[in-house]
């Protein structure tokens, strides 16, 4: 499930492309568990992954389908397409996750 915060005006992402994004991820209680990393100077480093290559959770790939470069989307990711019953790191098992993803570029 997703909602466009801002619809992009650039190219639509396609499977097989490389995506560059900024993102933040929260648990439903509001706890931030992950976000785009910064370098030593504090500049954001985009997260880059192969779209459709199973390099991110299935919930991202499903909710980002049809997204355009320049857009920002709020993703609601149920456990079945997130980290499931086992969770991962600071994410408890069976957690619904909330992400804000900004699509910066595709190649």
PDB file of N, CA and C in Angstrom:
ATOM      1  N   UNK A   1       0.850  -1.170   0.000  1.00  0.00           N
ATOM      2  CA  UNK A   1       0.000   0.000   0.000  1.00  0.00           C
ATOM      3  C   UNK A   1       0.900   1.240   0.000  1.00  0.00           C
ATOM      4  N   UNK A   2       0.495   2.261  -0.712  1.00  0.00           N
ATOM      5  CA  UNK A   2       1.301   3.472  -0.771  1.00  0.00           C
ATOM      6  C   UNK A   2       0.417   4.684  -1.031  1.00  0.00           C
ATOM      7  N   UNK A   3       1.010   5.842  -0.783  1.00  0.00           N
ATOM      8  CA  UNK A   3       0.381   7.116  -1.128  1.00  0.00           C
ATOM      9  C   UNK A   3       1.475   8.025  -1.660  1.00  0.00           C
ATOM     10  N   UNK A   4       1.199   8.685  -2.776  1.00  0.00           N
ATOM     11  CA  UNK A   4       2.161   9.644  -3.309  1.00  0.00           C
ATOM     12  C   UNK A   4       2.102  10.920  -2.479  1.00  0.00           C
ATOM     13  N   UNK A   5       3.246  11.299  -1.921  1.00  0.00           N
ATOM     14  CA  UNK A   5       3.387  12.574  -1.227  1.00  0.00           C
ATOM     15  C   UNK A   5       3.598  13.655  -2.280  1.00  0.00           C
ATOM     16  N   UNK A   6       4.424  13.313  -3.273  1.00  0.00           N
ATOM     17  CA  UNK A   6       4.665  14.191  -4.421  1.00  0.00           C
ATOM     18  C   UNK A   6       4.869  13.291  -5.634  1.00  0.00           C
ATOM     19  N   UNK A   7       4.111  13.521  -6.678  1.00  0.00           N
ATOM     20  CA  UNK A   7       4.256  12.745  -7.907  1.00  0.00           C
ATOM     21  C   UNK A   7       5.429  13.312  -8.694  1.00  0.00           C
ATOM     22  N   UNK A   8       6.329  12.429  -9.105  1.00  0.00           N
ATOM     23  CA  UNK A   8       7.482  12.861  -9.883  1.00  0.00           C
ATOM     24  C   UNK A   8       7.098  13.218 -11.309  1.00  0.00           C
ATOM     25  N   UNK A   9       7.997  13.900 -11.978  1.00  0.00           N
ATOM     26  CA  UNK A   9       7.765  14.296 -13.370  1.00  0.00           C
ATOM     27  C   UNK A   9       8.764  13.640 -14.314  1.00  0.00           C
ATOM     28  N   UNK A  10       9.668  12.830 -13.762  1.00  0.00           N
ATOM     29  CA  UNK A  10      10.698  12.195 -14.576  1.00  0.00           C
ATOM     30  C   UNK A  10      10.292  10.821 -15.066  1.00  0.00           C
ATOM     31  N   UNK A  11      11.290  10.057 -15.444  1.00  0.00           N
ATOM     32  CA  UNK A  11      11.115   8.711 -15.985  1.00  0.00           C
ATOM     33  C   UNK A  11      10.463   7.781 -14.958  1.00  0.00           C
ATOM     34  N   UNK A  12       9.620   6.880 -15.431  1.00  0.00           N
ATOM     35  CA  UNK A  12       8.991   5.872 -14.577  1.00  0.00           C
ATOM     36  C   UNK A  12       9.961   4.717 -14.385  1.00  0.00           C
ATOM     37  N   UNK A  13      10.134   4.281 -13.146  1.00  0.00           N
ATOM     38  CA  UNK A  13      11.047   3.181 -12.846  1.00  0.00           C
ATOM     39  C   UNK A  13      10.547   1.886 -13.480  1.00  0.00           C
ATOM     40  N   UNK A  14      11.499   1.104 -14.006  1.00  0.00           N
ATOM     41  CA  UNK A  14      11.194  -0.168 -14.661  1.00  0.00           C
ATOM     42  C   UNK A  14      12.066  -1.267 -14.063  1.00  0.00           C
ATOM     43  N   UNK A  15      11.555  -2.506 -13.994  1.00  0.00           N
ATOM     44  CA  UNK A  15      12.397  -3.622 -13.547  1.00  0.00           C
ATOM     45  C   UNK A  15      13.659  -3.705 -14.404  1.00  0.00           C
ATOM     46  N   UNK A  16      14.767  -3.998 -13.749  1.00  0.00           N
ATOM     47  CA  UNK A  16      16.049  -4.083 -14.440  1.00  0.00           C
ATOM     48  C   UNK A  16      16.855  -2.801 -14.364  1.00  0.00           C
ATOM     49  N   UNK A  17      16.227  -1.706 -13.941  1.00  0.00           N
ATOM     50  CA  UNK A  17      16.952  -0.449 -13.794  1.00  0.00           C
ATOM     51  C   UNK A  17      17.571  -0.364 -12.401  1.00  0.00           C
ATOM     52  N   UNK A  18      18.563   0.491 -12.285  1.00  0.00           N
ATOM     53  CA  UNK A  18      19.156   0.809 -10.993  1.00  0.00           C
ATOM     54  C   UNK A  18      18.476   2.068 -10.479  1.00  0.00           C
ATOM     55  N   UNK A  19      18.045   2.021  -9.221  1.00  0.00           N
ATOM     56  CA  UNK A  19      17.356   3.158  -8.604  1.00  0.00           C
ATOM     57  C   UNK A  19      18.247   3.797  -7.550  1.00  0.00           C
ATOM     58  N   UNK A  20      18.197   5.112  -7.450  1.00  0.00           N
ATOM     59  CA  UNK A  20      18.866   5.860  -6.390  1.00  0.00           C
ATOM     60  C   UNK A  20      17.781   6.580  -5.601  1.00  0.00           C
ATOM     61  N   UNK A  21      17.768   6.367  -4.275  1.00  0.00           N
ATOM     62  CA  UNK A  21      16.706   6.926  -3.434  1.00  0.00           C
ATOM     63  C   UNK A  21      17.273   7.513  -2.148  1.00  0.00           C
ATOM     64  N   UNK A  22      16.516   8.436  -1.576  1.00  0.00           N
ATOM     65  CA  UNK A  22      16.640   8.811  -0.177  1.00  0.00           C
ATOM     66  C   UNK A  22      15.450   8.165   0.507  1.00  0.00           C
ATOM     67  N   UNK A  23      15.628   7.725   1.757  1.00  0.00           N
ATOM     68  CA  UNK A  23      14.516   7.072   2.451  1.00  0.00           C
ATOM     69  C   UNK A  23      14.639   7.218   3.962  1.00  0.00           C
ATOM     70  N   UNK A  24      13.517   7.027   4.632  1.00  0.00           N
ATOM     71  CA  UNK A  24      13.443   6.885   6.085  1.00  0.00           C
ATOM     72  C   UNK A  24      12.468   5.760   6.364  1.00  0.00           C
ATOM     73  N   UNK A  25      12.730   4.981   7.417  1.00  0.00           N
ATOM     74  CA  UNK A  25      11.842   3.887   7.793  1.00  0.00           C
ATOM     75  C   UNK A  25      11.489   3.948   9.266  1.00  0.00           C
ATOM     76  N   UNK A  26      10.197   3.786   9.556  1.00  0.00           N
ATOM     77  CA  UNK A  26       9.694   3.832  10.925  1.00  0.00           C
ATOM     78  C   UNK A  26       8.869   2.596  11.241  1.00  0.00           C
ATOM     79  N   UNK A  27       8.838   2.248  12.519  1.00  0.00           N
ATOM     80  CA  UNK A  27       7.845   1.298  13.002  1.00  0.00           C
ATOM     81  C   UNK A  27       6.550   2.077  13.180  1.00  0.00           C
ATOM     82  N   UNK A  28       5.436   1.390  13.344  1.00  0.00           N
ATOM     83  CA  UNK A  28       4.153   2.091  13.476  1.00  0.00           C
ATOM     84  C   UNK A  28       4.045   2.882  14.777  1.00  0.00           C
ATOM     85  N   UNK A  29       4.949   2.633  15.739  1.00  0.00           N
ATOM     86  CA  UNK A  29       4.947   3.430  16.972  1.00  0.00           C
ATOM     87  C   UNK A  29       5.734   4.728  16.808  1.00  0.00           C
ATOM     88  N   UNK A  30       6.231   4.987  15.584  1.00  0.00           N
ATOM     89  CA  UNK A  30       6.965   6.215  15.308  1.00  0.00           C
ATOM     90  C   UNK A  30       8.469   6.106  15.464  1.00  0.00           C
ATOM     91  N   UNK A  31       8.974   4.947  15.901  1.00  0.00           N
ATOM     92  CA  UNK A  31      10.413   4.770  16.088  1.00  0.00           C
ATOM     93  C   UNK A  31      11.120   4.666  14.737  1.00  0.00           C
ATOM     94  N   UNK A  32      12.052   5.587  14.493  1.00  0.00           N
ATOM     95  CA  UNK A  32      12.869   5.558  13.279  1.00  0.00           C
ATOM     96  C   UNK A  32      13.867   4.415  13.414  1.00  0.00           C
ATOM     97  N   UNK A  33      13.888   3.487  12.453  1.00  0.00           N
ATOM     98  CA  UNK A  33      14.828   2.367  12.536  1.00  0.00           C
ATOM     99  C   UNK A  33      15.897   2.409  11.456  1.00  0.00           C
ATOM    100  N   UNK A  34      15.703   3.205  10.412  1.00  0.00           N
ATOM    101  CA  UNK A  34      16.704   3.276   9.347  1.00  0.00           C
ATOM    102  C   UNK A  34      16.448   4.525   8.511  1.00  0.00           C
ATOM    103  N   UNK A  35      17.515   5.013   7.885  1.00  0.00           N
ATOM    104  CA  UNK A  35      17.385   6.157   6.991  1.00  0.00           C
ATOM    105  C   UNK A  35      18.608   6.242   6.099  1.00  0.00           C
ATOM    106  N   UNK A  36      18.524   7.087   5.093  1.00  0.00           N
ATOM    107  CA  UNK A  36      19.640   7.317   4.186  1.00  0.00           C
ATOM    108  C   UNK A  36      20.869   7.705   4.996  1.00  0.00           C
ATOM    109  N   UNK A  37      21.991   7.114   4.639  1.00  0.00           N
ATOM    110  CA  UNK A  37      23.247   7.388   5.333  1.00  0.00           C
ATOM    111  C   UNK A  37      23.837   8.721   4.873  1.00  0.00           C
ATOM    112  N   UNK A  38      24.670   9.298   5.728  1.00  0.00           N
ATOM    113  CA  UNK A  38      25.381  10.527   5.380  1.00  0.00           C
ATOM    114  C   UNK A  38      26.880  10.249   5.365  1.00  0.00           C
ATOM    115  N   UNK A  39      27.617  11.077   4.632  1.00  0.00           N
ATOM    116  CA  UNK A  39      29.075  10.945   4.641  1.00  0.00           C
ATOM    117  C   UNK A  39      29.642  11.787   5.779  1.00  0.00           C
ATOM    118  N   UNK A  40      30.957  11.854   5.865  1.00  0.00           N
ATOM    119  CA  UNK A  40      31.619  12.564   6.964  1.00  0.00           C
ATOM    120  C   UNK A  40      31.246  14.039   7.023  1.00  0.00           C
ATOM    121  N   UNK A  41      30.889  14.624   5.882  1.00  0.00           N
ATOM    122  CA  UNK A  41      30.533  16.045   5.860  1.00  0.00           C
ATOM    123  C   UNK A  41      29.052  16.282   6.166  1.00  0.00           C
ATOM    124  N   UNK A  42      28.291  15.180   6.326  1.00  0.00           N
ATOM    125  CA  UNK A  42      26.866  15.307   6.601  1.00  0.00           C
ATOM    126  C   UNK A  42      25.993  15.265   5.363  1.00  0.00           C
ATOM    127  N   UNK A  43      26.613  15.108   4.182  1.00  0.00           N
ATOM    128  CA  UNK A  43      25.855  15.039   2.932  1.00  0.00           C
ATOM    129  C   UNK A  43      25.190  13.668   2.805  1.00  0.00           C
ATOM    130  N   UNK A  44      23.933  13.663   2.369  1.00  0.00           N
ATOM    131  CA  UNK A  44      23.218  12.401   2.172  1.00  0.00           C
ATOM    132  C   UNK A  44      23.823  11.613   1.019  1.00  0.00           C
ATOM    133  N   UNK A  45      24.008  10.316   1.230  1.00  0.00           N
ATOM    134  CA  UNK A  45      24.464   9.405   0.178  1.00  0.00           C
ATOM    135  C   UNK A  45      23.269   8.590  -0.278  1.00  0.00           C
ATOM    136  N   UNK A  46      22.826   8.737  -1.510  1.00  0.00           N
ATOM    137  CA  UNK A  46      21.667   7.965  -1.970  1.00  0.00           C
ATOM    138  C   UNK A  46      21.894   6.465  -1.803  1.00  0.00           C
ATOM    139  N   UNK A  47      20.815   5.752  -1.504  1.00  0.00           N
ATOM    140  CA  UNK A  47      20.839   4.295  -1.469  1.00  0.00           C
ATOM    141  C   UNK A  47      20.556   3.833  -2.893  1.00  0.00           C
ATOM    142  N   UNK A  48      21.401   2.966  -3.420  1.00  0.00           N
ATOM    143  CA  UNK A  48      21.298   2.517  -4.809  1.00  0.00           C
ATOM    144  C   UNK A  48      21.047   1.012  -4.820  1.00  0.00           C
ATOM    145  N   UNK A  49      20.070   0.578  -5.614  1.00  0.00           N
ATOM    146  CA  UNK A  49      19.750  -0.847  -5.698  1.00  0.00           C
ATOM    147  C   UNK A  49      19.153  -1.172  -7.061  1.00  0.00           C
ATOM    148  N   UNK A  50      19.201  -2.439  -7.403  1.00  0.00           N
ATOM    149  CA  UNK A  50      18.603  -2.912  -8.642  1.00  0.00           C
ATOM    150  C   UNK A  50      17.117  -3.148  -8.441  1.00  0.00           C
ATOM    151  N   UNK A  51      16.286  -2.407  -9.156  1.00  0.00           N
ATOM    152  CA  UNK A  51      14.834  -2.542  -9.021  1.00  0.00           C
ATOM    153  C   UNK A  51      14.388  -3.821  -9.722  1.00  0.00           C
ATOM    154  N   UNK A  52      13.657  -4.659  -9.006  1.00  0.00           N
ATOM    155  CA  UNK A  52      13.207  -5.933  -9.551  1.00  0.00           C
ATOM    156  C   UNK A  52      14.231  -7.042  -9.398  1.00  0.00           C
ATOM    157  N   UNK A  53      15.346  -6.766  -8.725  1.00  0.00           N
ATOM    158  CA  UNK A  53      16.430  -7.743  -8.570  1.00  0.00           C
ATOM    159  C   UNK A  53      16.448  -8.369  -7.177  1.00  0.00           C
ATOM    160  N   UNK A  54      15.402  -8.162  -6.399  1.00  0.00           N
ATOM    161  CA  UNK A  54      15.281  -8.723  -5.045  1.00  0.00           C
ATOM    162  C   UNK A  54      16.406  -8.253  -4.120  1.00  0.00           C
ATOM    163  N   UNK A  55      16.856  -7.022  -4.306  1.00  0.00           N
ATOM    164  CA  UNK A  55      17.889  -6.440  -3.452  1.00  0.00           C
ATOM    165  C   UNK A  55      17.290  -5.648  -2.293  1.00  0.00           C
ATOM    166  N   UNK A  56      15.983  -5.441  -2.329  1.00  0.00           N
ATOM    167  CA  UNK A  56      15.256  -4.766  -1.249  1.00  0.00           C
ATOM    168  C   UNK A  56      14.054  -5.633  -0.900  1.00  0.00           C
ATOM    169  N   UNK A  57      13.377  -5.308   0.187  1.00  0.00           N
ATOM    170  CA  UNK A  57      12.204  -6.092   0.571  1.00  0.00           C
ATOM    171  C   UNK A  57      11.126  -6.002  -0.511  1.00  0.00           C
ATOM    172  N   UNK A  58      10.338  -7.044  -0.606  1.00  0.00           N
ATOM    173  CA  UNK A  58       9.291  -7.119  -1.636  1.00  0.00           C
ATOM    174  C   UNK A  58       8.314  -5.952  -1.534  1.00  0.00           C
ATOM    175  N   UNK A  59       8.048  -5.485  -0.318  1.00  0.00           N
ATOM    176  CA  UNK A  59       7.137  -4.361  -0.134  1.00  0.00           C
ATOM    177  C   UNK A  59       7.607  -3.103  -0.833  1.00  0.00           C
ATOM    178  N   UNK A  60       8.916  -2.879  -0.878  1.00  0.00           N
ATOM    179  CA  UNK A  60       9.454  -1.723  -1.611  1.00  0.00           C
ATOM    180  C   UNK A  60       9.204  -1.895  -3.096  1.00  0.00           C
ATOM    181  N   UNK A  61       9.538  -3.060  -3.629  1.00  0.00           N
ATOM    182  CA  UNK A  61       9.396  -3.262  -5.073  1.00  0.00           C
ATOM    183  C   UNK A  61       7.936  -3.151  -5.503  1.00  0.00           C
ATOM    184  N   UNK A  62       7.030  -3.692  -4.703  1.00  0.00           N
ATOM    185  CA  UNK A  62       5.608  -3.611  -5.040  1.00  0.00           C
ATOM    186  C   UNK A  62       5.110  -2.174  -4.990  1.00  0.00           C
ATOM    187  N   UNK A  63       5.453  -1.450  -3.925  1.00  0.00           N
ATOM    188  CA  UNK A  63       4.925  -0.099  -3.731  1.00  0.00           C
ATOM    189  C   UNK A  63       5.619   0.945  -4.603  1.00  0.00           C
ATOM    190  N   UNK A  64       6.832   0.659  -5.075  1.00  0.00           N
ATOM    191  CA  UNK A  64       7.534   1.617  -5.930  1.00  0.00           C
ATOM    192  C   UNK A  64       7.202   1.446  -7.406  1.00  0.00           C
ATOM    193  N   UNK A  65       6.537   0.368  -7.768  1.00  0.00           N
ATOM    194  CA  UNK A  65       6.176   0.144  -9.175  1.00  0.00           C
ATOM    195  C   UNK A  65       5.370   1.337  -9.686  1.00  0.00           C
ATOM    196  N   UNK A  66       5.750   1.851 -10.832  1.00  0.00           N
ATOM    197  CA  UNK A  66       5.059   2.993 -11.428  1.00  0.00           C
ATOM    198  C   UNK A  66       5.516   4.347 -10.920  1.00  0.00           C
ATOM    199  N   UNK A  67       6.435   4.360  -9.968  1.00  0.00           N
ATOM    200  CA  UNK A  67       6.921   5.624  -9.412  1.00  0.00           C
ATOM    201  C   UNK A  67       7.783   6.350 -10.443  1.00  0.00           C
ATOM    202  N   UNK A  68       7.708   7.679 -10.426  1.00  0.00           N
ATOM    203  CA  UNK A  68       8.482   8.507 -11.357  1.00  0.00           C
ATOM    204  C   UNK A  68       9.610   9.225 -10.620  1.00  0.00           C
ATOM    205  N   UNK A  69      10.716   9.422 -11.325  1.00  0.00           N
ATOM    206  CA  UNK A  69      11.848  10.161 -10.772  1.00  0.00           C
ATOM    207  C   UNK A  69      11.372  11.539 -10.318  1.00  0.00           C
ATOM    208  N   UNK A  70      11.830  11.936  -9.139  1.00  0.00           N
ATOM    209  CA  UNK A  70      11.425  13.209  -8.551  1.00  0.00           C
ATOM    210  C   UNK A  70      10.268  13.061  -7.590  1.00  0.00           C
ATOM    211  N   UNK A  71       9.670  11.879  -7.562  1.00  0.00           N
ATOM    212  CA  UNK A  71       8.531  11.639  -6.687  1.00  0.00           C
ATOM    213  C   UNK A  71       8.935  11.185  -5.300  1.00  0.00           C
ATOM    214  N   UNK A  72       8.022  11.380  -4.361  1.00  0.00           N
ATOM    215  CA  UNK A  72       8.174  10.898  -2.993  1.00  0.00           C
ATOM    216  C   UNK A  72       6.927  10.108  -2.656  1.00  0.00           C
ATOM    217  N   UNK A  73       7.124   8.921  -2.093  1.00  0.00           N
ATOM    218  CA  UNK A  73       6.012   8.035  -1.785  1.00  0.00           C
ATOM    219  C   UNK A  73       6.106   7.553  -0.347  1.00  0.00           C
ATOM    220  N   UNK A  74       4.951   7.473   0.306  1.00  0.00           N
ATOM    221  CA  UNK A  74       4.831   6.882   1.632  1.00  0.00           C
ATOM    222  C   UNK A  74       4.401   5.437   1.427  1.00  0.00           C
ATOM    223  N   UNK A  75       5.211   4.493   1.920  1.00  0.00           N
ATOM    224  CA  UNK A  75       4.935   3.070   1.753  1.00  0.00           C
ATOM    225  C   UNK A  75       4.507   2.471   3.086  1.00  0.00           C
ATOM    226  N   UNK A  76       3.440   1.703   3.086  1.00  0.00           N
ATOM    227  CA  UNK A  76       3.015   0.938   4.254  1.00  0.00           C
ATOM    228  C   UNK A  76       3.279  -0.521   3.903  1.00  0.00           C
ATOM    229  N   UNK A  77       4.196  -1.151   4.645  1.00  0.00           N
ATOM    230  CA  UNK A  77       4.669  -2.489   4.294  1.00  0.00           C
ATOM    231  C   UNK A  77       4.261  -3.489   5.374  1.00  0.00           C
ATOM    232  N   UNK A  78       3.337  -4.406   5.065  1.00  0.00           N
ATOM    233  CA  UNK A  78       2.960  -5.436   6.032  1.00  0.00           C
ATOM    234  C   UNK A  78       4.085  -6.462   6.192  1.00  0.00           C
ATOM    235  N   UNK A  79       4.080  -7.209   7.291  1.00  0.00           N
ATOM    236  CA  UNK A  79       5.160  -8.167   7.555  1.00  0.00           C
ATOM    237  C   UNK A  79       5.393  -9.170   6.433  1.00  0.00           C
ATOM    238  N   UNK A  80       4.351  -9.593   5.748  1.00  0.00           N
ATOM    239  CA  UNK A  80       4.492 -10.617   4.705  1.00  0.00           C
ATOM    240  C   UNK A  80       5.404 -10.178   3.569  1.00  0.00           C
ATOM    241  N   UNK A  81       5.515  -8.868   3.324  1.00  0.00           N
ATOM    242  CA  UNK A  81       6.398  -8.368   2.270  1.00  0.00           C
ATOM    243  C   UNK A  81       7.478  -7.448   2.846  1.00  0.00           C
ATOM    244  N   UNK A  82       7.656  -7.557   4.189  1.00  0.00           N
ATOM    245  CA  UNK A  82       8.704  -6.826   4.892  1.00  0.00           C
ATOM    246  C   UNK A  82       9.718  -7.819   5.431  1.00  0.00           C
ATOM    247  N   UNK A  83       9.828  -7.883   6.769  1.00  0.00           N
ATOM    248  CA  UNK A  83      10.801  -8.782   7.388  1.00  0.00           C
ATOM    249  C   UNK A  83      10.160  -9.975   8.077  1.00  0.00           C
ATOM    250  N   UNK A  84       8.853 -10.173   7.883  1.00  0.00           N
ATOM    251  CA  UNK A  84       8.180 -11.381   8.334  1.00  0.00           C
ATOM    252  C   UNK A  84       8.163 -11.586   9.836  1.00  0.00           C
ATOM    253  N   UNK A  85       7.995 -12.836  10.224  1.00  0.00           N
ATOM    254  CA  UNK A  85       7.856 -13.202  11.633  1.00  0.00           C
ATOM    255  C   UNK A  85       9.162 -13.063  12.404  1.00  0.00           C
ATOM    256  N   UNK A  86      10.300 -13.133  11.722  1.00  0.00           N
ATOM    257  CA  UNK A  86      11.592 -13.093  12.411  1.00  0.00           C
ATOM    258  C   UNK A  86      12.110 -11.686  12.657  1.00  0.00           C
ATOM    259  N   UNK A  87      11.661 -10.706  11.879  1.00  0.00           N
ATOM    260  CA  UNK A  87      12.194  -9.356  12.000  1.00  0.00           C
ATOM    261  C   UNK A  87      13.640  -9.304  11.542  1.00  0.00           C
ATOM    262  N   UNK A  88      14.290  -8.176  11.804  1.00  0.00           N
ATOM    263  CA  UNK A  88      15.708  -8.025  11.466  1.00  0.00           C
ATOM    264  C   UNK A  88      16.263  -6.836  12.217  1.00  0.00           C
ATOM    265  N   UNK A  89      17.386  -7.020  12.892  1.00  0.00           N
ATOM    266  CA  UNK A  89      18.009  -5.934  13.641  1.00  0.00           C
ATOM    267  C   UNK A  89      17.015  -5.312  14.614  1.00  0.00           C
ATOM    268  N   UNK A  90      16.805  -3.980  14.527  1.00  0.00           N
ATOM    269  CA  UNK A  90      15.897  -3.307  15.459  1.00  0.00           C
ATOM    270  C   UNK A  90      14.414  -3.497  15.125  1.00  0.00           C
ATOM    271  N   UNK A  91      14.126  -4.260  14.074  1.00  0.00           N
ATOM    272  CA  UNK A  91      12.741  -4.446  13.631  1.00  0.00           C
ATOM    273  C   UNK A  91      12.193  -5.738  14.228  1.00  0.00           C
ATOM    274  N   UNK A  92      11.213  -5.643  15.135  1.00  0.00           N
ATOM    275  CA  UNK A  92      10.632  -6.861  15.712  1.00  0.00           C
ATOM    276  C   UNK A  92       9.882  -7.676  14.663  1.00  0.00           C
ATOM    277  N   UNK A  93       9.741  -8.963  14.922  1.00  0.00           N
ATOM    278  CA  UNK A  93       8.967  -9.819  14.035  1.00  0.00           C
ATOM    279  C   UNK A  93       7.539  -9.329  13.898  1.00  0.00           C
ATOM    280  N   UNK A  94       6.948  -9.604  12.752  1.00  0.00           N
ATOM    281  CA  UNK A  94       5.556  -9.254  12.442  1.00  0.00           C
ATOM    282  C   UNK A  94       5.268  -7.757  12.504  1.00  0.00           C
ATOM    283  N   UNK A  95       6.266  -6.945  12.192  1.00  0.00           N
ATOM    284  CA  UNK A  95       6.086  -5.489  12.224  1.00  0.00           C
ATOM    285  C   UNK A  95       5.568  -4.955  10.896  1.00  0.00           C
ATOM    286  N   UNK A  96       4.586  -4.058  10.987  1.00  0.00           N
ATOM    287  CA  UNK A  96       4.183  -3.244   9.841  1.00  0.00           C
ATOM    288  C   UNK A  96       5.170  -2.084   9.799  1.00  0.00           C
ATOM    289  N   UNK A  97       5.709  -1.810   8.620  1.00  0.00           N
ATOM    290  CA  UNK A  97       6.727  -0.780   8.462  1.00  0.00           C
ATOM    291  C   UNK A  97       6.194   0.380   7.636  1.00  0.00           C
ATOM    292  N   UNK A  98       6.700   1.571   7.933  1.00  0.00           N
ATOM    293  CA  UNK A  98       6.323   2.777   7.201  1.00  0.00           C
ATOM    294  C   UNK A  98       7.609   3.388   6.647  1.00  0.00           C
ATOM    295  N   UNK A  99       7.637   3.631   5.357  1.00  0.00           N
ATOM    296  CA  UNK A  99       8.799   4.240   4.713  1.00  0.00           C
ATOM    297  C   UNK A  99       8.370   5.471   3.938  1.00  0.00           C
ATOM    298  N   UNK A 100       9.254   6.468   3.914  1.00  0.00           N
ATOM    299  CA  UNK A 100       9.126   7.568   2.972  1.00  0.00           C
ATOM    300  C   UNK A 100      10.300   7.425   2.012  1.00  0.00           C
ATOM    301  N   UNK A 101      10.003   7.282   0.729  1.00  0.00           N
ATOM    302  CA  UNK A 101      11.029   7.043  -0.285  1.00  0.00           C
ATOM    303  C   UNK A 101      10.947   8.133  -1.347  1.00  0.00           C
ATOM    304  N   UNK A 102      12.080   8.771  -1.610  1.00  0.00           N
ATOM    305  CA  UNK A 102      12.180   9.770  -2.677  1.00  0.00           C
ATOM    306  C   UNK A 102      13.035   9.174  -3.787  1.00  0.00           C
ATOM    307  N   UNK A 103      12.465   9.032  -4.979  1.00  0.00           N
ATOM    308  CA  UNK A 103      13.187   8.472  -6.123  1.00  0.00           C
ATOM    309  C   UNK A 103      13.980   9.582  -6.803  1.00  0.00           C
ATOM    310  N   UNK A 104      15.303   9.489  -6.711  1.00  0.00           N
ATOM    311  CA  UNK A 104      16.190  10.530  -7.227  1.00  0.00           C
ATOM    312  C   UNK A 104      16.561  10.323  -8.689  1.00  0.00           C
ATOM    313  N   UNK A 105      16.833   9.068  -9.058  1.00  0.00           N
ATOM    314  CA  UNK A 105      17.299   8.779 -10.415  1.00  0.00           C
ATOM    315  C   UNK A 105      17.124   7.305 -10.720  1.00  0.00           C
ATOM    316  N   UNK A 106      17.043   6.978 -12.013  1.00  0.00           N
ATOM    317  CA  UNK A 106      17.062   5.594 -12.481  1.00  0.00           C
ATOM    318  C   UNK A 106      18.033   5.511 -13.656  1.00  0.00           C
ATOM    319  N   UNK A 107      18.613   4.320 -13.837  1.00  0.00           N
ATOM    320  CA  UNK A 107      19.523   4.080 -14.969  1.00  0.00           C
ATOM    321  C   UNK A 107      19.206   2.734 -15.561  1.00  0.00           C
TER     322      UNK A 107
END
